[in-house]
Amino acid sequence: MKTFNKALLAVIAASTMSTAAFASSDDTAYDRLQTTKAGLHSLGQSLENMGANVDTSVDLSGANTLNQKEAVYSAKYAELQTQFNDLRAQSAE
């Protein structure tokens, strides 16, 4: 199980670094939204692989601009990141 956790953390760290490497000030709002959605999907898959019940759905009502939508997806990502950190801490015990 510890080997699995280390491998999973390596994959997540690599995906986070690659996302940050591709993000630049030249990215459009659409690009940032797509990157955020992809990160959310990836984190959701990682949590499912760890056996967690995951809800990656977001409520976009009231989010009219791409920047507002990105903020909603980012908030959901932060929520799932907390769930991931909690699961990782539990498995380390």
C-alpha atoms as a PDB file:
ATOM      1  CA  MET A   1       0.000   0.000   0.000  1.00  0.00           C
ATOM      2  CA  LYS A   2       2.872   2.391   0.760  1.00  0.00           C
ATOM      3  CA  THR A   3       4.318   1.793  -2.703  1.00  0.00           C
ATOM      4  CA  PHE A   4       0.948   2.566  -4.239  1.00  0.00           C
ATOM      5  CA  ASN A   5       0.718   5.807  -2.259  1.00  0.00           C
ATOM      6  CA  LYS A   6       4.206   6.866  -3.308  1.00  0.00           C
ATOM      7  CA  ALA A   7       3.434   6.131  -6.952  1.00  0.00           C
ATOM      8  CA  LEU A   8       0.143   7.986  -6.751  1.00  0.00           C
ATOM      9  CA  LEU A   9       1.787  10.996  -5.168  1.00  0.00           C
ATOM     10  CA  ALA A  10       4.455  10.998  -7.863  1.00  0.00           C
ATOM     11  CA  VAL A  11       1.805  10.978 -10.580  1.00  0.00           C
ATOM     12  CA  ILE A  12      -0.126  13.803  -8.953  1.00  0.00           C
ATOM     13  CA  ALA A  13       3.012  15.850  -8.407  1.00  0.00           C
ATOM     14  CA  ALA A  14       4.035  15.371 -12.034  1.00  0.00           C
ATOM     15  CA  SER A  15       0.611  16.345 -13.306  1.00  0.00           C
ATOM     16  CA  THR A  16       0.564  19.419 -11.079  1.00  0.00           C
ATOM     17  CA  MET A  17       3.983  20.509 -12.295  1.00  0.00           C
ATOM     18  CA  SER A  18       3.077  19.949 -15.921  1.00  0.00           C
ATOM     19  CA  THR A  19      -0.128  21.941 -15.476  1.00  0.00           C
ATOM     20  CA  ALA A  20       1.834  24.787 -13.936  1.00  0.00           C
ATOM     21  CA  ALA A  21       4.403  24.598 -16.720  1.00  0.00           C
ATOM     22  CA  PHE A  22       1.751  24.934 -19.396  1.00  0.00           C
ATOM     23  CA  ALA A  23      -0.060  27.743 -17.621  1.00  0.00           C
ATOM     24  CA  SER A  24       1.225  31.131 -18.638  1.00  0.00           C
ATOM     25  CA  SER A  25       0.038  34.668 -18.897  1.00  0.00           C
ATOM     26  CA  ASP A  26      -0.643  34.031 -22.593  1.00  0.00           C
ATOM     27  CA  ASP A  27      -3.354  31.497 -21.770  1.00  0.00           C
ATOM     28  CA  THR A  28      -6.850  32.593 -22.557  1.00  0.00           C
ATOM     29  CA  ALA A  29      -9.687  32.319 -20.064  1.00  0.00           C
ATOM     30  CA  TYR A  30     -10.919  29.314 -22.042  1.00  0.00           C
ATOM     31  CA  ASP A  31      -7.512  27.617 -21.763  1.00  0.00           C
ATOM     32  CA  ARG A  32      -7.393  28.199 -18.014  1.00  0.00           C
ATOM     33  CA  LEU A  33     -10.914  26.827 -17.644  1.00  0.00           C
ATOM     34  CA  GLN A  34     -10.045  23.695 -19.603  1.00  0.00           C
ATOM     35  CA  THR A  35      -6.866  23.174 -17.562  1.00  0.00           C
ATOM     36  CA  THR A  36      -8.795  23.529 -14.316  1.00  0.00           C
ATOM     37  CA  LYS A  37     -11.473  21.084 -15.501  1.00  0.00           C
ATOM     38  CA  ALA A  38      -8.805  18.564 -16.522  1.00  0.00           C
ATOM     39  CA  GLY A  39      -7.114  18.865 -13.127  1.00  0.00           C
ATOM     40  CA  LEU A  40     -10.435  18.315 -11.374  1.00  0.00           C
ATOM     41  CA  HIS A  41     -11.130  15.228 -13.473  1.00  0.00           C
ATOM     42  CA  SER A  42      -7.643  13.852 -12.806  1.00  0.00           C
ATOM     43  CA  LEU A  43      -7.901  14.381  -9.067  1.00  0.00           C
ATOM     44  CA  GLY A  44     -11.355  12.790  -9.072  1.00  0.00           C
ATOM     45  CA  GLN A  45      -9.977   9.720 -10.824  1.00  0.00           C
ATOM     46  CA  SER A  46      -7.120   9.489  -8.321  1.00  0.00           C
ATOM     47  CA  LEU A  47      -9.567   9.611  -5.438  1.00  0.00           C
ATOM     48  CA  GLU A  48     -11.757   6.941  -7.022  1.00  0.00           C
ATOM     49  CA  ASN A  49      -8.680   4.750  -7.435  1.00  0.00           C
ATOM     50  CA  MET A  50      -8.052   5.184  -3.710  1.00  0.00           C
ATOM     51  CA  GLY A  51     -11.572   3.895  -3.029  1.00  0.00           C
ATOM     52  CA  ALA A  52     -13.196   7.213  -2.153  1.00  0.00           C
ATOM     53  CA  ASN A  53     -16.704   8.266  -3.091  1.00  0.00           C
ATOM     54  CA  VAL A  54     -16.172  11.276  -5.310  1.00  0.00           C
ATOM     55  CA  ASP A  55     -18.548  13.909  -6.610  1.00  0.00           C
ATOM     56  CA  THR A  56     -16.835  16.003  -9.279  1.00  0.00           C
ATOM     57  CA  SER A  57     -20.011  17.775 -10.347  1.00  0.00           C
ATOM     58  CA  VAL A  58     -20.128  21.547 -10.075  1.00  0.00           C
ATOM     59  CA  ASP A  59     -23.009  24.009 -10.012  1.00  0.00           C
ATOM     60  CA  LEU A  60     -22.368  26.649 -12.652  1.00  0.00           C
ATOM     61  CA  SER A  61     -25.587  28.538 -12.063  1.00  0.00           C
ATOM     62  CA  GLY A  62     -24.701  32.185 -11.695  1.00  0.00           C
ATOM     63  CA  ALA A  63     -21.290  31.708 -13.288  1.00  0.00           C
ATOM     64  CA  ASN A  64     -21.688  33.683 -16.487  1.00  0.00           C
ATOM     65  CA  THR A  65     -18.098  34.356 -17.527  1.00  0.00           C
ATOM     66  CA  LEU A  66     -15.262  31.943 -18.151  1.00  0.00           C
ATOM     67  CA  ASN A  67     -13.354  33.394 -15.191  1.00  0.00           C
ATOM     68  CA  GLN A  68     -16.340  32.788 -12.899  1.00  0.00           C
ATOM     69  CA  LYS A  69     -16.642  29.220 -14.164  1.00  0.00           C
ATOM     70  CA  GLU A  70     -12.933  28.675 -13.589  1.00  0.00           C
ATOM     71  CA  ALA A  71     -13.357  29.910 -10.007  1.00  0.00           C
ATOM     72  CA  VAL A  72     -16.169  27.399  -9.414  1.00  0.00           C
ATOM     73  CA  TYR A  73     -14.050  24.541 -10.771  1.00  0.00           C
ATOM     74  CA  SER A  74     -11.062  25.712  -8.722  1.00  0.00           C
ATOM     75  CA  ALA A  75     -13.156  25.686  -5.550  1.00  0.00           C
ATOM     76  CA  LYS A  76     -14.295  22.129  -6.299  1.00  0.00           C
ATOM     77  CA  TYR A  77     -10.672  21.141  -6.959  1.00  0.00           C
ATOM     78  CA  ALA A  78      -9.665  22.569  -3.563  1.00  0.00           C
ATOM     79  CA  GLU A  79     -12.458  20.564  -1.918  1.00  0.00           C
ATOM     80  CA  LEU A  80     -11.257  17.347  -3.553  1.00  0.00           C
ATOM     81  CA  GLN A  81      -7.635  18.161  -2.727  1.00  0.00           C
ATOM     82  CA  THR A  82      -8.613  18.345   0.954  1.00  0.00           C
ATOM     83  CA  GLN A  83     -10.350  14.974   0.630  1.00  0.00           C
ATOM     84  CA  PHE A  84      -7.226  13.545  -1.009  1.00  0.00           C
ATOM     85  CA  ASN A  85      -4.970  14.916   1.742  1.00  0.00           C
ATOM     86  CA  ASP A  86      -7.243  13.430   4.411  1.00  0.00           C
ATOM     87  CA  LEU A  87      -7.230  10.013   2.730  1.00  0.00           C
ATOM     88  CA  ARG A  88      -3.478  10.099   2.347  1.00  0.00           C
ATOM     89  CA  ALA A  89      -3.065  10.976   6.028  1.00  0.00           C
ATOM     90  CA  GLN A  90      -5.379   8.124   7.026  1.00  0.00           C
ATOM     91  CA  SER A  91      -3.460   5.615   4.929  1.00  0.00           C
ATOM     92  CA  ALA A  92      -0.164   6.768   6.440  1.00  0.00           C
ATOM     93  CA  GLU A  93      -1.369   5.915   9.949  1.00  0.00           C
END
